[in-house]
Structures are given as C-alpha cells and as structure tokens.
Amino acid sequence: MVAASKVIVKRKITRAAAHRPPSDLRKAIASDAAARTVWADITPLARNEWICWVTSAKKAETRTHRIAVGLDKMRKGMRRPCCWPGCPHR
C-alpha cells in the first residue's frame, strides 16, 4: 500500500496596485495629518475605493465635496467610503 503524500501548493500573493490619486486628492490628504496617517495604513484596495469614489463624481462641486467628506471620514478613522459599491475596476 502506497501512502498518500500531501502536496503543498504555494501561491504567490499578488500585490494589488492602487490607482494613482488625482492631484486634488493627493494635496488634500497631504495637508491633513490624520488623513495621511489613515492613508498610509490602509490597503491598496481601500485606497482605490477612495480614489474611485472621488473621481466618479460627475460635477466639480460633488468632487470637491467628496474630498472634504472623505478627509473628515478619515479623520474619524474610516478606512473606506461608506455606502460605496467599490472600485469599478476590480
């Protein structure tokens, strides 16, 4: 009788690449210490969701508002935008 051997399959975990934040979002995050701390700590997927949430706004006013709201949420420790279905690029 031949003993069954376990085969261990190693899979490389790929790093998810974050989208490049637009300059207005980058400047806003850079200007806020609490937002910078959260941004540095979240995953690339979470960053993508913030970026897509901001850039999916159709009006400039909405985009500006989303950046302000996003900074406020990050200051409060939120790691992802609330009620957002997620990055459409997934």
PDB file of N, CA and C in Angstrom:
ATOM      1  N   MET A   1       0.847  -1.168   0.000  1.00  0.00           N
ATOM      2  CA  MET A   1       0.000   0.000   0.000  1.00  0.00           C
ATOM      3  C   MET A   1       0.896   1.235   0.000  1.00  0.00           C
ATOM      4  N   VAL A   2       0.613   2.181  -0.872  1.00  0.00           N
ATOM      5  CA  VAL A   2       1.404   3.400  -1.000  1.00  0.00           C
ATOM      6  C   VAL A   2       0.732   4.486  -0.172  1.00  0.00           C
ATOM      7  N   ALA A   3       1.505   5.137   0.661  1.00  0.00           N
ATOM      8  CA  ALA A   3       0.965   6.221   1.486  1.00  0.00           C
ATOM      9  C   ALA A   3       0.735   7.450   0.612  1.00  0.00           C
ATOM     10  N   ALA A   4      -0.384   8.055   0.851  1.00  0.00           N
ATOM     11  CA  ALA A   4      -0.696   9.278   0.113  1.00  0.00           C
ATOM     12  C   ALA A   4       0.161  10.411   0.655  1.00  0.00           C
ATOM     13  N   SER A   5       0.753  11.138  -0.238  1.00  0.00           N
ATOM     14  CA  SER A   5       1.564  12.262   0.219  1.00  0.00           C
ATOM     15  C   SER A   5       0.790  13.560   0.015  1.00  0.00           C
ATOM     16  N   LYS A   6       1.034  14.468   0.910  1.00  0.00           N
ATOM     17  CA  LYS A   6       0.388  15.767   0.796  1.00  0.00           C
ATOM     18  C   LYS A   6       1.193  16.617  -0.157  1.00  0.00           C
ATOM     19  N   VAL A   7       0.504  17.254  -1.022  1.00  0.00           N
ATOM     20  CA  VAL A   7       1.147  18.166  -1.948  1.00  0.00           C
ATOM     21  C   VAL A   7       0.834  19.578  -1.482  1.00  0.00           C
ATOM     22  N   ILE A   8       1.859  20.315  -1.219  1.00  0.00           N
ATOM     23  CA  ILE A   8       1.678  21.694  -0.781  1.00  0.00           C
ATOM     24  C   ILE A   8       1.889  22.587  -1.990  1.00  0.00           C
ATOM     25  N   VAL A   9       0.882  23.351  -2.281  1.00  0.00           N
ATOM     26  CA  VAL A   9       0.958  24.271  -3.407  1.00  0.00           C
ATOM     27  C   VAL A   9       1.152  25.670  -2.849  1.00  0.00           C
ATOM     28  N   LYS A  10       2.230  26.273  -3.240  1.00  0.00           N
ATOM     29  CA  LYS A  10       2.493  27.641  -2.807  1.00  0.00           C
ATOM     30  C   LYS A  10       2.027  28.571  -3.911  1.00  0.00           C
ATOM     31  N   ARG A  11       1.235  29.526  -3.505  1.00  0.00           N
ATOM     32  CA  ARG A  11       0.769  30.524  -4.465  1.00  0.00           C
ATOM     33  C   ARG A  11       1.300  31.874  -4.051  1.00  0.00           C
ATOM     34  N   LYS A  12       1.785  32.566  -5.004  1.00  0.00           N
ATOM     35  CA  LYS A  12       2.292  33.897  -4.725  1.00  0.00           C
ATOM     36  C   LYS A  12       1.101  34.832  -4.565  1.00  0.00           C
ATOM     37  N   ILE A  13       1.128  35.596  -3.508  1.00  0.00           N
ATOM     38  CA  ILE A  13       0.063  36.569  -3.298  1.00  0.00           C
ATOM     39  C   ILE A  13       0.466  37.828  -4.038  1.00  0.00           C
ATOM     40  N   THR A  14      -0.365  38.208  -4.984  1.00  0.00           N
ATOM     41  CA  THR A  14      -0.037  39.384  -5.770  1.00  0.00           C
ATOM     42  C   THR A  14      -0.426  40.638  -5.013  1.00  0.00           C
ATOM     43  N   ARG A  15       0.368  41.643  -5.178  1.00  0.00           N
ATOM     44  CA  ARG A  15       0.070  42.919  -4.541  1.00  0.00           C
ATOM     45  C   ARG A  15      -0.893  43.681  -5.421  1.00  0.00           C
ATOM     46  N   ALA A  16      -1.950  44.151  -4.827  1.00  0.00           N
ATOM     47  CA  ALA A  16      -2.907  44.968  -5.575  1.00  0.00           C
ATOM     48  C   ALA A  16      -2.316  46.360  -5.730  1.00  0.00           C
ATOM     49  N   ALA A  17      -2.296  46.844  -6.921  1.00  0.00           N
ATOM     50  CA  ALA A  17      -1.747  48.165  -7.176  1.00  0.00           C
ATOM     51  C   ALA A  17      -2.841  49.211  -7.023  1.00  0.00           C
ATOM     52  N   ALA A  18      -2.543  50.212  -6.274  1.00  0.00           N
ATOM     53  CA  ALA A  18      -3.500  51.304  -6.106  1.00  0.00           C
ATOM     54  C   ALA A  18      -3.456  52.199  -7.339  1.00  0.00           C
ATOM     55  N   HIS A  19      -4.616  52.744  -7.662  1.00  0.00           N
ATOM     56  CA  HIS A  19      -4.665  53.745  -8.731  1.00  0.00           C
ATOM     57  C   HIS A  19      -3.887  54.969  -8.257  1.00  0.00           C
ATOM     58  N   ARG A  20      -3.431  55.743  -9.173  1.00  0.00           N
ATOM     59  CA  ARG A  20      -2.732  56.980  -8.796  1.00  0.00           C
ATOM     60  C   ARG A  20      -3.781  58.010  -8.385  1.00  0.00           C
ATOM     61  N   PRO A  21      -3.664  58.533  -7.175  1.00  0.00           N
ATOM     62  CA  PRO A  21      -4.637  59.534  -6.736  1.00  0.00           C
ATOM     63  C   PRO A  21      -4.509  60.803  -7.570  1.00  0.00           C
ATOM     64  N   PRO A  22      -5.626  61.438  -7.899  1.00  0.00           N
ATOM     65  CA  PRO A  22      -5.551  62.696  -8.637  1.00  0.00           C
ATOM     66  C   PRO A  22      -4.914  63.772  -7.752  1.00  0.00           C
ATOM     67  N   SER A  23      -4.380  64.796  -8.372  1.00  0.00           N
ATOM     68  CA  SER A  23      -3.619  65.805  -7.633  1.00  0.00           C
ATOM     69  C   SER A  23      -4.444  66.496  -6.551  1.00  0.00           C
ATOM     70  N   ASP A  24      -5.719  66.764  -6.801  1.00  0.00           N
ATOM     71  CA  ASP A  24      -6.517  67.437  -5.774  1.00  0.00           C
ATOM     72  C   ASP A  24      -6.690  66.568  -4.533  1.00  0.00           C
ATOM     73  N   LEU A  25      -6.867  65.272  -4.714  1.00  0.00           N
ATOM     74  CA  LEU A  25      -6.989  64.367  -3.579  1.00  0.00           C
ATOM     75  C   LEU A  25      -5.648  64.205  -2.867  1.00  0.00           C
ATOM     76  N   ARG A  26      -4.564  64.083  -3.642  1.00  0.00           N
ATOM     77  CA  ARG A  26      -3.222  63.971  -3.045  1.00  0.00           C
ATOM     78  C   ARG A  26      -2.901  65.187  -2.181  1.00  0.00           C
ATOM     79  N   LYS A  27      -3.195  66.382  -2.706  1.00  0.00           N
ATOM     80  CA  LYS A  27      -2.906  67.615  -1.961  1.00  0.00           C
ATOM     81  C   LYS A  27      -3.743  67.690  -0.689  1.00  0.00           C
ATOM     82  N   ALA A  28      -5.003  67.287  -0.779  1.00  0.00           N
ATOM     83  CA  ALA A  28      -5.882  67.335   0.389  1.00  0.00           C
ATOM     84  C   ALA A  28      -5.393  66.382   1.474  1.00  0.00           C
ATOM     85  N   ILE A  29      -5.019  65.176   1.080  1.00  0.00           N
ATOM     86  CA  ILE A  29      -4.529  64.195   2.059  1.00  0.00           C
ATOM     87  C   ILE A  29      -3.201  64.672   2.647  1.00  0.00           C
ATOM     88  N   ALA A  30      -2.331  65.218   1.814  1.00  0.00           N
ATOM     89  CA  ALA A  30      -1.030  65.689   2.285  1.00  0.00           C
ATOM     90  C   ALA A  30      -1.167  66.829   3.286  1.00  0.00           C
ATOM     91  N   SER A  31      -2.240  67.593   3.179  1.00  0.00           N
ATOM     92  CA  SER A  31      -2.421  68.750   4.058  1.00  0.00           C
ATOM     93  C   SER A  31      -3.055  68.394   5.403  1.00  0.00           C
ATOM     94  N   ASP A  32      -3.436  67.138   5.590  1.00  0.00           N
ATOM     95  CA  ASP A  32      -4.137  66.726   6.808  1.00  0.00           C
ATOM     96  C   ASP A  32      -3.408  65.548   7.456  1.00  0.00           C
ATOM     97  N   ALA A  33      -2.839  65.773   8.623  1.00  0.00           N
ATOM     98  CA  ALA A  33      -2.013  64.746   9.282  1.00  0.00           C
ATOM     99  C   ALA A  33      -2.804  63.481   9.591  1.00  0.00           C
ATOM    100  N   ALA A  34      -4.034  63.630  10.072  1.00  0.00           N
ATOM    101  CA  ALA A  34      -4.843  62.454  10.421  1.00  0.00           C
ATOM    102  C   ALA A  34      -5.185  61.644   9.168  1.00  0.00           C
ATOM    103  N   ALA A  35      -5.536  62.329   8.095  1.00  0.00           N
ATOM    104  CA  ALA A  35      -5.853  61.639   6.837  1.00  0.00           C
ATOM    105  C   ALA A  35      -4.612  60.941   6.292  1.00  0.00           C
ATOM    106  N   ARG A  36      -3.448  61.589   6.399  1.00  0.00           N
ATOM    107  CA  ARG A  36      -2.189  60.965   5.947  1.00  0.00           C
ATOM    108  C   ARG A  36      -1.912  59.684   6.713  1.00  0.00           C
ATOM    109  N   THR A  37      -2.192  59.688   8.015  1.00  0.00           N
ATOM    110  CA  THR A  37      -1.957  58.504   8.836  1.00  0.00           C
ATOM    111  C   THR A  37      -2.851  57.358   8.393  1.00  0.00           C
ATOM    112  N   VAL A  38      -4.132  57.649   8.179  1.00  0.00           N
ATOM    113  CA  VAL A  38      -5.064  56.604   7.728  1.00  0.00           C
ATOM    114  C   VAL A  38      -4.652  56.126   6.338  1.00  0.00           C
ATOM    115  N   TRP A  39      -4.352  57.045   5.438  1.00  0.00           N
ATOM    116  CA  TRP A  39      -3.986  56.697   4.058  1.00  0.00           C
ATOM    117  C   TRP A  39      -2.770  55.774   4.036  1.00  0.00           C
ATOM    118  N   ALA A  40      -1.803  56.053   4.890  1.00  0.00           N
ATOM    119  CA  ALA A  40      -0.592  55.235   4.934  1.00  0.00           C
ATOM    120  C   ALA A  40      -0.878  53.833   5.461  1.00  0.00           C
ATOM    121  N   ASP A  41      -1.940  53.689   6.237  1.00  0.00           N
ATOM    122  CA  ASP A  41      -2.228  52.415   6.896  1.00  0.00           C
ATOM    123  C   ASP A  41      -3.220  51.529   6.143  1.00  0.00           C
ATOM    124  N   ILE A  42      -3.965  52.093   5.192  1.00  0.00           N
ATOM    125  CA  ILE A  42      -4.993  51.286   4.520  1.00  0.00           C
ATOM    126  C   ILE A  42      -4.407  50.497   3.355  1.00  0.00           C
ATOM    127  N   THR A  43      -5.154  49.504   2.922  1.00  0.00           N
ATOM    128  CA  THR A  43      -4.710  48.634   1.836  1.00  0.00           C
ATOM    129  C   THR A  43      -4.835  49.340   0.484  1.00  0.00           C
ATOM    130  N   PRO A  44      -4.138  48.858  -0.522  1.00  0.00           N
ATOM    131  CA  PRO A  44      -4.297  49.429  -1.859  1.00  0.00           C
ATOM    132  C   PRO A  44      -5.752  49.366  -2.347  1.00  0.00           C
ATOM    133  N   LEU A  45      -6.460  48.301  -2.005  1.00  0.00           N
ATOM    134  CA  LEU A  45      -7.864  48.194  -2.408  1.00  0.00           C
ATOM    135  C   LEU A  45      -8.697  49.303  -1.769  1.00  0.00           C
ATOM    136  N   ALA A  46      -8.456  49.573  -0.502  1.00  0.00           N
ATOM    137  CA  ALA A  46      -9.182  50.644   0.175  1.00  0.00           C
ATOM    138  C   ALA A  46      -8.832  51.997  -0.453  1.00  0.00           C
ATOM    139  N   ARG A  47      -7.571  52.196  -0.790  1.00  0.00           N
ATOM    140  CA  ARG A  47      -7.174  53.448  -1.458  1.00  0.00           C
ATOM    141  C   ARG A  47      -7.890  53.590  -2.794  1.00  0.00           C
ATOM    142  N   ASN A  48      -7.948  52.490  -3.536  1.00  0.00           N
ATOM    143  CA  ASN A  48      -8.659  52.525  -4.822  1.00  0.00           C
ATOM    144  C   ASN A  48     -10.106  52.951  -4.640  1.00  0.00           C
ATOM    145  N   GLU A  49     -10.743  52.465  -3.573  1.00  0.00           N
ATOM    146  CA  GLU A  49     -12.141  52.820  -3.351  1.00  0.00           C
ATOM    147  C   GLU A  49     -12.288  54.308  -3.062  1.00  0.00           C
ATOM    148  N   TRP A  50     -11.386  54.868  -2.254  1.00  0.00           N
ATOM    149  CA  TRP A  50     -11.440  56.312  -2.013  1.00  0.00           C
ATOM    150  C   TRP A  50     -11.212  57.074  -3.319  1.00  0.00           C
ATOM    151  N   ILE A  51     -10.216  56.660  -4.084  1.00  0.00           N
ATOM    152  CA  ILE A  51      -9.889  57.347  -5.335  1.00  0.00           C
ATOM    153  C   ILE A  51     -11.068  57.283  -6.300  1.00  0.00           C
ATOM    154  N   CYS A  52     -11.642  56.101  -6.481  1.00  0.00           N
ATOM    155  CA  CYS A  52     -12.759  55.951  -7.411  1.00  0.00           C
ATOM    156  C   CYS A  52     -14.004  56.688  -6.925  1.00  0.00           C
ATOM    157  N   TRP A  53     -14.211  56.724  -5.615  1.00  0.00           N
ATOM    158  CA  TRP A  53     -15.345  57.445  -5.051  1.00  0.00           C
ATOM    159  C   TRP A  53     -15.241  58.929  -5.393  1.00  0.00           C
ATOM    160  N   VAL A  54     -14.041  59.480  -5.274  1.00  0.00           N
ATOM    161  CA  VAL A  54     -13.829  60.894  -5.588  1.00  0.00           C
ATOM    162  C   VAL A  54     -13.922  61.140  -7.088  1.00  0.00           C
ATOM    163  N   THR A  55     -13.253  60.330  -7.879  1.00  0.00           N
ATOM    164  CA  THR A  55     -13.174  60.592  -9.323  1.00  0.00           C
ATOM    165  C   THR A  55     -14.450  60.239 -10.080  1.00  0.00           C
ATOM    166  N   SER A  56     -15.344  59.490  -9.453  1.00  0.00           N
ATOM    167  CA  SER A  56     -16.582  59.133 -10.158  1.00  0.00           C
ATOM    168  C   SER A  56     -17.630  60.246 -10.102  1.00  0.00           C
ATOM    169  N   ALA A  57     -17.351  61.299  -9.367  1.00  0.00           N
ATOM    170  CA  ALA A  57     -18.287  62.424  -9.312  1.00  0.00           C
ATOM    171  C   ALA A  57     -18.371  63.076 -10.693  1.00  0.00           C
ATOM    172  N   LYS A  58     -19.567  63.400 -11.102  1.00  0.00           N
ATOM    173  CA  LYS A  58     -19.748  63.991 -12.427  1.00  0.00           C
ATOM    174  C   LYS A  58     -19.560  65.512 -12.425  1.00  0.00           C
ATOM    175  N   LYS A  59     -19.830  66.151 -11.301  1.00  0.00           N
ATOM    176  CA  LYS A  59     -19.692  67.604 -11.196  1.00  0.00           C
ATOM    177  C   LYS A  59     -18.487  67.950 -10.331  1.00  0.00           C
ATOM    178  N   ALA A  60     -17.849  69.065 -10.655  1.00  0.00           N
ATOM    179  CA  ALA A  60     -16.704  69.531  -9.874  1.00  0.00           C
ATOM    180  C   ALA A  60     -17.101  69.797  -8.425  1.00  0.00           C
ATOM    181  N   GLU A  61     -18.301  70.321  -8.222  1.00  0.00           N
ATOM    182  CA  GLU A  61     -18.764  70.610  -6.856  1.00  0.00           C
ATOM    183  C   GLU A  61     -18.893  69.325  -6.042  1.00  0.00           C
ATOM    184  N   THR A  62     -19.392  68.278  -6.682  1.00  0.00           N
ATOM    185  CA  THR A  62     -19.546  66.995  -5.998  1.00  0.00           C
ATOM    186  C   THR A  62     -18.178  66.421  -5.656  1.00  0.00           C
ATOM    187  N   ARG A  63     -17.258  66.528  -6.574  1.00  0.00           N
ATOM    188  CA  ARG A  63     -15.910  66.020  -6.343  1.00  0.00           C
ATOM    189  C   ARG A  63     -15.258  66.748  -5.169  1.00  0.00           C
ATOM    190  N   THR A  64     -15.368  68.072  -5.148  1.00  0.00           N
ATOM    191  CA  THR A  64     -14.815  68.865  -4.057  1.00  0.00           C
ATOM    192  C   THR A  64     -15.456  68.473  -2.730  1.00  0.00           C
ATOM    193  N   HIS A  65     -16.760  68.279  -2.757  1.00  0.00           N
ATOM    194  CA  HIS A  65     -17.486  67.865  -1.552  1.00  0.00           C
ATOM    195  C   HIS A  65     -17.024  66.486  -1.086  1.00  0.00           C
ATOM    196  N   ARG A  66     -16.851  65.566  -2.011  1.00  0.00           N
ATOM    197  CA  ARG A  66     -16.408  64.215  -1.644  1.00  0.00           C
ATOM    198  C   ARG A  66     -15.014  64.224  -1.032  1.00  0.00           C
ATOM    199  N   ILE A  67     -14.142  65.076  -1.529  1.00  0.00           N
ATOM    200  CA  ILE A  67     -12.803  65.175  -0.938  1.00  0.00           C
ATOM    201  C   ILE A  67     -12.917  65.678   0.494  1.00  0.00           C
ATOM    202  N   ALA A  68     -13.715  66.713   0.718  1.00  0.00           N
ATOM    203  CA  ALA A  68     -13.887  67.262   2.067  1.00  0.00           C
ATOM    204  C   ALA A  68     -14.507  66.221   3.002  1.00  0.00           C
ATOM    205  N   VAL A  69     -15.527  65.529   2.529  1.00  0.00           N
ATOM    206  CA  VAL A  69     -16.187  64.498   3.335  1.00  0.00           C
ATOM    207  C   VAL A  69     -15.224  63.335   3.585  1.00  0.00           C
ATOM    208  N   GLY A  70     -14.469  62.963   2.564  1.00  0.00           N
ATOM    209  CA  GLY A  70     -13.503  61.874   2.715  1.00  0.00           C
ATOM    210  C   GLY A  70     -12.455  62.177   3.773  1.00  0.00           C
ATOM    211  N   LEU A  71     -11.937  63.404   3.767  1.00  0.00           N
ATOM    212  CA  LEU A  71     -10.959  63.787   4.783  1.00  0.00           C
ATOM    213  C   LEU A  71     -11.579  63.720   6.170  1.00  0.00           C
ATOM    214  N   ASP A  72     -12.805  64.200   6.293  1.00  0.00           N
ATOM    215  CA  ASP A  72     -13.495  64.151   7.576  1.00  0.00           C
ATOM    216  C   ASP A  72     -13.678  62.706   8.044  1.00  0.00           C
ATOM    217  N   LYS A  73     -14.062  61.841   7.128  1.00  0.00           N
ATOM    218  CA  LYS A  73     -14.249  60.425   7.479  1.00  0.00           C
ATOM    219  C   LYS A  73     -12.922  59.787   7.884  1.00  0.00           C
ATOM    220  N   MET A  74     -11.856  60.107   7.158  1.00  0.00           N
ATOM    221  CA  MET A  74     -10.547  59.554   7.507  1.00  0.00           C
ATOM    222  C   MET A  74     -10.095  60.050   8.870  1.00  0.00           C
ATOM    223  N   ARG A  75     -10.364  61.339   9.173  1.00  0.00           N
ATOM    224  CA  ARG A  75     -10.018  61.875  10.494  1.00  0.00           C
ATOM    225  C   ARG A  75     -10.715  61.093  11.600  1.00  0.00           C
ATOM    226  N   LYS A  76     -11.899  60.590  11.288  1.00  0.00           N
ATOM    227  CA  LYS A  76     -12.680  59.820  12.259  1.00  0.00           C
ATOM    228  C   LYS A  76     -12.307  58.340  12.242  1.00  0.00           C
ATOM    229  N   GLY A  77     -11.340  57.976  11.405  1.00  0.00           N
ATOM    230  CA  GLY A  77     -10.838  56.602  11.395  1.00  0.00           C
ATOM    231  C   GLY A  77     -11.460  55.686  10.360  1.00  0.00           C
ATOM    232  N   MET A  78     -12.342  56.201   9.507  1.00  0.00           N
ATOM    233  CA  MET A  78     -12.937  55.343   8.473  1.00  0.00           C
ATOM    234  C   MET A  78     -11.877  54.964   7.452  1.00  0.00           C
ATOM    235  N   ARG A  79     -11.873  53.708   7.101  1.00  0.00           N
ATOM    236  CA  ARG A  79     -10.866  53.194   6.189  1.00  0.00           C
ATOM    237  C   ARG A  79     -11.372  53.051   4.755  1.00  0.00           C
ATOM    238  N   ARG A  80     -12.682  53.121   4.571  1.00  0.00           N
ATOM    239  CA  ARG A  80     -13.286  53.028   3.240  1.00  0.00           C
ATOM    240  C   ARG A  80     -14.490  53.945   3.172  1.00  0.00           C
ATOM    241  N   PRO A  81     -14.837  54.415   1.988  1.00  0.00           N
ATOM    242  CA  PRO A  81     -16.027  55.257   1.888  1.00  0.00           C
ATOM    243  C   PRO A  81     -17.282  54.445   2.221  1.00  0.00           C
ATOM    244  N   CYS A  82     -18.165  55.041   2.937  1.00  0.00           N
ATOM    245  CA  CYS A  82     -19.401  54.362   3.337  1.00  0.00           C
ATOM    246  C   CYS A  82     -20.367  54.294   2.153  1.00  0.00           C
ATOM    247  N   CYS A  83     -21.086  53.238   2.095  1.00  0.00           N
ATOM    248  CA  CYS A  83     -22.163  53.073   1.106  1.00  0.00           C
ATOM    249  C   CYS A  83     -21.667  53.166  -0.330  1.00  0.00           C
ATOM    250  N   TRP A  84     -20.473  52.721  -0.552  1.00  0.00           N
ATOM    251  CA  TRP A  84     -19.859  52.757  -1.893  1.00  0.00           C
ATOM    252  C   TRP A  84     -19.686  51.324  -2.358  1.00  0.00           C
ATOM    253  N   PRO A  85     -20.167  51.002  -3.550  1.00  0.00           N
ATOM    254  CA  PRO A  85     -20.076  49.606  -4.000  1.00  0.00           C
ATOM    255  C   PRO A  85     -18.642  49.156  -4.264  1.00  0.00           C
ATOM    256  N   GLY A  86     -17.737  50.074  -4.314  1.00  0.00           N
ATOM    257  CA  GLY A  86     -16.340  49.696  -4.512  1.00  0.00           C
ATOM    258  C   GLY A  86     -15.803  50.141  -5.846  1.00  0.00           C
ATOM    259  N   CYS A  87     -14.557  49.939  -6.013  1.00  0.00           N
ATOM    260  CA  CYS A  87     -13.865  50.333  -7.241  1.00  0.00           C
ATOM    261  C   CYS A  87     -14.436  49.564  -8.425  1.00  0.00           C
ATOM    262  N   PRO A  88     -14.883  50.260  -9.452  1.00  0.00           N
ATOM    263  CA  PRO A  88     -15.428  49.560 -10.618  1.00  0.00           C
ATOM    264  C   PRO A  88     -14.375  48.848 -11.452  1.00  0.00           C
ATOM    265  N   HIS A  89     -13.105  49.083 -11.143  1.00  0.00           N
ATOM    266  CA  HIS A  89     -12.012  48.472 -11.896  1.00  0.00           C
ATOM    267  C   HIS A  89     -11.649  47.081 -11.425  1.00  0.00           C
ATOM    268  N   ARG A  90     -12.311  46.580 -10.388  1.00  0.00           N
ATOM    269  CA  ARG A  90     -11.988  45.253  -9.853  1.00  0.00           C
ATOM    270  C   ARG A  90     -12.414  44.184 -10.794  1.00  0.00           C
TER     271      ARG A  90
END
